[in-house]
Amino acid sequence: ERTRDVEKCKIGFEDLLNRLGTDH
């Protein structure tokens, strides 16, 4: 889903970093 909901964006972005194994 494409979203502008900040809480969803935060969860989605942190998930990206965690799964990629990077801090940025």
PDB file of all heavy atoms in Angstrom:
ATOM      1  N   GLU A   1       0.844  -1.186   0.000  1.00  0.00           N
ATOM      2  CA  GLU A   1       0.000   0.000   0.000  1.00  0.00           C
ATOM      3  C   GLU A   1       0.883   1.241   0.000  1.00  0.00           C
ATOM      4  O   GLU A   1       1.948   1.267   0.633  1.00  0.00           O
ATOM      5  CB  GLU A   1      -0.895   0.048   1.249  1.00  0.00           C
ATOM      6  CG  GLU A   1      -2.018  -0.946   1.268  1.00  0.00           C
ATOM      7  CD  GLU A   1      -2.883  -0.810   2.522  1.00  0.00           C
ATOM      8  OE1 GLU A   1      -2.696   0.202   3.247  1.00  0.00           O
ATOM      9  OE2 GLU A   1      -3.707  -1.693   2.771  1.00  0.00           O
ATOM     10  N   ARG A   2       0.466   2.260  -0.713  1.00  0.00           N
ATOM     11  CA  ARG A   2       1.138   3.555  -0.671  1.00  0.00           C
ATOM     12  C   ARG A   2       0.453   4.371   0.424  1.00  0.00           C
ATOM     13  O   ARG A   2      -0.772   4.480   0.454  1.00  0.00           O
ATOM     14  CB  ARG A   2       0.996   4.246  -2.030  1.00  0.00           C
ATOM     15  CG  ARG A   2       1.437   5.694  -2.095  1.00  0.00           C
ATOM     16  CD  ARG A   2       1.281   6.170  -3.540  1.00  0.00           C
ATOM     17  NE  ARG A   2       1.411   7.604  -3.677  1.00  0.00           N
ATOM     18  CZ  ARG A   2       0.428   8.476  -3.529  1.00  0.00           C
ATOM     19  NH1 ARG A   2      -0.792   8.050  -3.213  1.00  0.00           N
ATOM     20  NH2 ARG A   2       0.635   9.775  -3.684  1.00  0.00           N
ATOM     21  N   THR A   3       1.243   4.942   1.333  1.00  0.00           N
ATOM     22  CA  THR A   3       0.639   5.642   2.467  1.00  0.00           C
ATOM     23  C   THR A   3       1.412   6.903   2.821  1.00  0.00           C
ATOM     24  O   THR A   3       2.606   7.015   2.554  1.00  0.00           O
ATOM     25  CB  THR A   3       0.593   4.712   3.706  1.00  0.00           C
ATOM     26  OG1 THR A   3      -0.050   5.394   4.794  1.00  0.00           O
ATOM     27  CG2 THR A   3       1.999   4.317   4.153  1.00  0.00           C
ATOM     28  N   ARG A   4       0.683   7.867   3.440  1.00  0.00           N
ATOM     29  CA  ARG A   4       1.311   9.060   4.019  1.00  0.00           C
ATOM     30  C   ARG A   4       1.127   9.070   5.531  1.00  0.00           C
ATOM     31  O   ARG A   4       1.514  10.032   6.190  1.00  0.00           O
ATOM     32  CB  ARG A   4       0.684  10.337   3.433  1.00  0.00           C
ATOM     33  CG  ARG A   4       0.730  10.445   1.917  1.00  0.00           C
ATOM     34  CD  ARG A   4       2.130  10.450   1.365  1.00  0.00           C
ATOM     35  NE  ARG A   4       2.139  10.633  -0.081  1.00  0.00           N
ATOM     36  CZ  ARG A   4       3.131  10.274  -0.872  1.00  0.00           C
ATOM     37  NH1 ARG A   4       4.201   9.707  -0.370  1.00  0.00           N
ATOM     38  NH2 ARG A   4       3.061  10.469  -2.179  1.00  0.00           N
ATOM     39  N   ASP A   5       0.531   8.014   6.052  1.00  0.00           N
ATOM     40  CA  ASP A   5       0.349   7.885   7.496  1.00  0.00           C
ATOM     41  C   ASP A   5       1.732   7.749   8.141  1.00  0.00           C
ATOM     42  O   ASP A   5       2.455   6.782   7.891  1.00  0.00           O
ATOM     43  CB  ASP A   5      -0.513   6.653   7.791  1.00  0.00           C
ATOM     44  CG  ASP A   5      -0.798   6.482   9.278  1.00  0.00           C
ATOM     45  OD1 ASP A   5       0.167   6.187  10.019  1.00  0.00           O
ATOM     46  OD2 ASP A   5      -1.960   6.630   9.675  1.00  0.00           O
ATOM     47  N   VAL A   6       2.087   8.699   8.987  1.00  0.00           N
ATOM     48  CA  VAL A   6       3.442   8.754   9.524  1.00  0.00           C
ATOM     49  C   VAL A   6       3.789   7.504  10.333  1.00  0.00           C
ATOM     50  O   VAL A   6       4.906   6.983  10.235  1.00  0.00           O
ATOM     51  CB  VAL A   6       3.642  10.028  10.373  1.00  0.00           C
ATOM     52  CG1 VAL A   6       5.007   9.997  11.061  1.00  0.00           C
ATOM     53  CG2 VAL A   6       3.530  11.266   9.490  1.00  0.00           C
ATOM     54  N   GLU A   7       2.851   7.009  11.132  1.00  0.00           N
ATOM     55  CA  GLU A   7       3.146   5.819  11.942  1.00  0.00           C
ATOM     56  C   GLU A   7       3.429   4.613  11.061  1.00  0.00           C
ATOM     57  O   GLU A   7       4.349   3.837  11.323  1.00  0.00           O
ATOM     58  CB  GLU A   7       1.986   5.535  12.903  1.00  0.00           C
ATOM     59  CG  GLU A   7       1.877   6.539  14.038  1.00  0.00           C
ATOM     60  CD  GLU A   7       3.201   6.721  14.784  1.00  0.00           C
ATOM     61  OE1 GLU A   7       3.811   5.691  15.180  1.00  0.00           O
ATOM     62  OE2 GLU A   7       3.630   7.872  14.961  1.00  0.00           O
ATOM     63  N   LYS A   8       2.637   4.455   9.996  1.00  0.00           N
ATOM     64  CA  LYS A   8       2.888   3.356   9.061  1.00  0.00           C
ATOM     65  C   LYS A   8       4.224   3.548   8.356  1.00  0.00           C
ATOM     66  O   LYS A   8       4.974   2.593   8.125  1.00  0.00           O
ATOM     67  CB  LYS A   8       1.754   3.266   8.038  1.00  0.00           C
ATOM     68  CG  LYS A   8       0.451   2.722   8.582  1.00  0.00           C
ATOM     69  CD  LYS A   8      -0.594   2.602   7.479  1.00  0.00           C
ATOM     70  CE  LYS A   8      -1.884   1.990   8.007  1.00  0.00           C
ATOM     71  NZ  LYS A   8      -2.914   1.863   6.939  1.00  0.00           N
ATOM     72  N   CYS A   9       4.518   4.801   8.002  1.00  0.00           N
ATOM     73  CA  CYS A   9       5.791   5.101   7.334  1.00  0.00           C
ATOM     74  C   CYS A   9       6.975   4.748   8.234  1.00  0.00           C
ATOM     75  O   CYS A   9       7.987   4.205   7.759  1.00  0.00           O
ATOM     76  CB  CYS A   9       5.863   6.578   6.948  1.00  0.00           C
ATOM     77  SG  CYS A   9       4.778   7.044   5.572  1.00  0.00           S
ATOM     78  N   LYS A  10       6.855   5.066   9.515  1.00  0.00           N
ATOM     79  CA  LYS A  10       7.933   4.766  10.468  1.00  0.00           C
ATOM     80  C   LYS A  10       8.167   3.263  10.563  1.00  0.00           C
ATOM     81  O   LYS A  10       9.302   2.787  10.512  1.00  0.00           O
ATOM     82  CB  LYS A  10       7.595   5.333  11.845  1.00  0.00           C
ATOM     83  CG  LYS A  10       7.713   6.843  11.938  1.00  0.00           C
ATOM     84  CD  LYS A  10       7.360   7.330  13.347  1.00  0.00           C
ATOM     85  CE  LYS A  10       7.523   8.844  13.448  1.00  0.00           C
ATOM     86  NZ  LYS A  10       7.152   9.343  14.805  1.00  0.00           N
ATOM     87  N   ILE A  11       7.072   2.526  10.718  1.00  0.00           N
ATOM     88  CA  ILE A  11       7.189   1.067  10.831  1.00  0.00           C
ATOM     89  C   ILE A  11       7.799   0.491   9.543  1.00  0.00           C
ATOM     90  O   ILE A  11       8.704  -0.349   9.582  1.00  0.00           O
ATOM     91  CB  ILE A  11       5.813   0.430  11.107  1.00  0.00           C
ATOM     92  CG1 ILE A  11       5.286   0.881  12.476  1.00  0.00           C
ATOM     93  CG2 ILE A  11       5.888  -1.090  11.031  1.00  0.00           C
ATOM     94  CD1 ILE A  11       3.854   0.487  12.751  1.00  0.00           C
ATOM     95  N   GLY A  12       7.304   0.969   8.414  1.00  0.00           N
ATOM     96  CA  GLY A  12       7.788   0.474   7.126  1.00  0.00           C
ATOM     97  C   GLY A  12       9.247   0.790   6.882  1.00  0.00           C
ATOM     98  O   GLY A  12       9.997  -0.047   6.372  1.00  0.00           O
ATOM     99  N   PHE A  13       9.676   1.988   7.275  1.00  0.00           N
ATOM    100  CA  PHE A  13      11.065   2.374   7.021  1.00  0.00           C
ATOM    101  C   PHE A  13      12.019   1.642   7.956  1.00  0.00           C
ATOM    102  O   PHE A  13      13.090   1.185   7.529  1.00  0.00           O
ATOM    103  CB  PHE A  13      11.241   3.888   7.168  1.00  0.00           C
ATOM    104  CG  PHE A  13      12.624   4.347   6.790  1.00  0.00           C
ATOM    105  CD1 PHE A  13      12.994   4.437   5.457  1.00  0.00           C
ATOM    106  CD2 PHE A  13      13.563   4.645   7.762  1.00  0.00           C
ATOM    107  CE1 PHE A  13      14.279   4.829   5.099  1.00  0.00           C
ATOM    108  CE2 PHE A  13      14.847   5.045   7.416  1.00  0.00           C
ATOM    109  CZ  PHE A  13      15.205   5.136   6.080  1.00  0.00           C
ATOM    110  N   GLU A  14      11.663   1.524   9.226  1.00  0.00           N
ATOM    111  CA  GLU A  14      12.515   0.792  10.155  1.00  0.00           C
ATOM    112  C   GLU A  14      12.621  -0.677   9.747  1.00  0.00           C
ATOM    113  O   GLU A  14      13.681  -1.298   9.887  1.00  0.00           O
ATOM    114  CB  GLU A  14      11.971   0.915  11.587  1.00  0.00           C
ATOM    115  CG  GLU A  14      12.096   2.309  12.176  1.00  0.00           C
ATOM    116  CD  GLU A  14      13.544   2.809  12.244  1.00  0.00           C
ATOM    117  OE1 GLU A  14      14.454   1.973  12.446  1.00  0.00           O
ATOM    118  OE2 GLU A  14      13.757   4.030  12.076  1.00  0.00           O
ATOM    119  N   ASP A  15      11.522  -1.212   9.215  1.00  0.00           N
ATOM    120  CA  ASP A  15      11.539  -2.580   8.723  1.00  0.00           C
ATOM    121  C   ASP A  15      12.526  -2.710   7.560  1.00  0.00           C
ATOM    122  O   ASP A  15      13.264  -3.700   7.467  1.00  0.00           O
ATOM    123  CB  ASP A  15      10.139  -2.991   8.266  1.00  0.00           C
ATOM    124  CG  ASP A  15      10.100  -4.378   7.655  1.00  0.00           C
ATOM    125  OD1 ASP A  15      10.119  -5.362   8.417  1.00  0.00           O
ATOM    126  OD2 ASP A  15      10.078  -4.482   6.400  1.00  0.00           O
ATOM    127  N   LEU A  16      12.555  -1.711   6.699  1.00  0.00           N
ATOM    128  CA  LEU A  16      13.489  -1.718   5.570  1.00  0.00           C
ATOM    129  C   LEU A  16      14.935  -1.776   6.056  1.00  0.00           C
ATOM    130  O   LEU A  16      15.727  -2.612   5.606  1.00  0.00           O
ATOM    131  CB  LEU A  16      13.276  -0.477   4.707  1.00  0.00           C
ATOM    132  CG  LEU A  16      14.254  -0.278   3.547  1.00  0.00           C
ATOM    133  CD1 LEU A  16      14.081  -1.374   2.502  1.00  0.00           C
ATOM    134  CD2 LEU A  16      14.070   1.098   2.904  1.00  0.00           C
ATOM    135  N   LEU A  17      15.281  -0.903   7.009  1.00  0.00           N
ATOM    136  CA  LEU A  17      16.642  -0.891   7.531  1.00  0.00           C
ATOM    137  C   LEU A  17      16.995  -2.222   8.199  1.00  0.00           C
ATOM    138  O   LEU A  17      18.079  -2.773   7.979  1.00  0.00           O
ATOM    139  CB  LEU A  17      16.816   0.250   8.541  1.00  0.00           C
ATOM    140  CG  LEU A  17      16.706   1.686   8.013  1.00  0.00           C
ATOM    141  CD1 LEU A  17      17.010   2.673   9.143  1.00  0.00           C
ATOM    142  CD2 LEU A  17      17.632   1.937   6.833  1.00  0.00           C
ATOM    143  N   ASN A  18      16.076  -2.734   9.000  1.00  0.00           N
ATOM    144  CA  ASN A  18      16.346  -3.974   9.732  1.00  0.00           C
ATOM    145  C   ASN A  18      16.562  -5.149   8.781  1.00  0.00           C
ATOM    146  O   ASN A  18      17.486  -5.949   8.961  1.00  0.00           O
ATOM    147  CB  ASN A  18      15.198  -4.288  10.695  1.00  0.00           C
ATOM    148  CG  ASN A  18      15.142  -3.313  11.854  1.00  0.00           C
ATOM    149  OD1 ASN A  18      16.146  -2.709  12.226  1.00  0.00           O
ATOM    150  ND2 ASN A  18      13.960  -3.145  12.439  1.00  0.00           N
ATOM    151  N   ARG A  19      15.715  -5.254   7.784  1.00  0.00           N
ATOM    152  CA  ARG A  19      15.811  -6.389   6.860  1.00  0.00           C
ATOM    153  C   ARG A  19      17.017  -6.267   5.933  1.00  0.00           C
ATOM    154  O   ARG A  19      17.549  -7.284   5.478  1.00  0.00           O
ATOM    155  CB  ARG A  19      14.516  -6.553   6.071  1.00  0.00           C
ATOM    156  CG  ARG A  19      13.355  -6.988   6.940  1.00  0.00           C
ATOM    157  CD  ARG A  19      12.086  -7.251   6.161  1.00  0.00           C
ATOM    158  NE  ARG A  19      10.992  -7.566   7.055  1.00  0.00           N
ATOM    159  CZ  ARG A  19      10.776  -8.775   7.592  1.00  0.00           C
ATOM    160  NH1 ARG A  19      11.582  -9.779   7.288  1.00  0.00           N
ATOM    161  NH2 ARG A  19       9.752  -8.974   8.399  1.00  0.00           N
ATOM    162  N   LEU A  20      17.447  -5.049   5.655  1.00  0.00           N
ATOM    163  CA  LEU A  20      18.641  -4.863   4.840  1.00  0.00           C
ATOM    164  C   LEU A  20      19.914  -4.987   5.672  1.00  0.00           C
ATOM    165  O   LEU A  20      21.016  -5.048   5.124  1.00  0.00           O
ATOM    166  CB  LEU A  20      18.613  -3.494   4.152  1.00  0.00           C
ATOM    167  CG  LEU A  20      17.520  -3.274   3.096  1.00  0.00           C
ATOM    168  CD1 LEU A  20      17.658  -1.880   2.487  1.00  0.00           C
ATOM    169  CD2 LEU A  20      17.577  -4.336   2.001  1.00  0.00           C
ATOM    170  N   GLY A  21      19.773  -4.981   6.990  1.00  0.00           N
ATOM    171  CA  GLY A  21      20.936  -5.096   7.871  1.00  0.00           C
ATOM    172  C   GLY A  21      21.819  -3.868   7.831  1.00  0.00           C
ATOM    173  O   GLY A  21      23.049  -3.965   7.863  1.00  0.00           O
ATOM    174  N   THR A  22      21.183  -2.694   7.779  1.00  0.00           N
ATOM    175  CA  THR A  22      21.946  -1.449   7.700  1.00  0.00           C
ATOM    176  C   THR A  22      21.315  -0.408   8.620  1.00  0.00           C
ATOM    177  O   THR A  22      20.155  -0.544   9.026  1.00  0.00           O
ATOM    178  CB  THR A  22      21.994  -0.926   6.245  1.00  0.00           C
ATOM    179  OG1 THR A  22      22.867   0.193   6.162  1.00  0.00           O
ATOM    180  CG2 THR A  22      20.616  -0.504   5.756  1.00  0.00           C
ATOM    181  N   ASP A  23      22.076   0.631   8.955  1.00  0.00           N
ATOM    182  CA  ASP A  23      21.529   1.687   9.809  1.00  0.00           C
ATOM    183  C   ASP A  23      21.159   2.932   9.013  1.00  0.00           C
ATOM    184  O   ASP A  23      20.723   3.932   9.578  1.00  0.00           O
ATOM    185  CB  ASP A  23      22.514   2.052  10.927  1.00  0.00           C
ATOM    186  CG  ASP A  23      23.844   2.576  10.390  1.00  0.00           C
ATOM    187  OD1 ASP A  23      24.014   2.656   9.145  1.00  0.00           O
ATOM    188  OD2 ASP A  23      24.724   2.897  11.207  1.00  0.00           O
ATOM    189  N   HIS A  24      21.347   2.867   7.685  1.00  0.00           N
ATOM    190  CA  HIS A  24      21.003   4.027   6.854  1.00  0.00           C
ATOM    191  C   HIS A  24      20.874   3.589   5.393  1.00  0.00           C
ATOM    192  O   HIS A  24      21.326   2.510   5.015  1.00  0.00           O
ATOM    193  CB  HIS A  24      22.094   5.093   6.935  1.00  0.00           C
ATOM    194  CG  HIS A  24      23.316   4.726   6.148  1.00  0.00           C
ATOM    195  ND1 HIS A  24      24.242   3.792   6.589  1.00  0.00           N
ATOM    196  CD2 HIS A  24      23.757   5.139   4.922  1.00  0.00           C
ATOM    197  CE1 HIS A  24      25.202   3.644   5.691  1.00  0.00           C
ATOM    198  NE2 HIS A  24      24.936   4.452   4.664  1.00  0.00           N
TER     199      HIS A  24
END
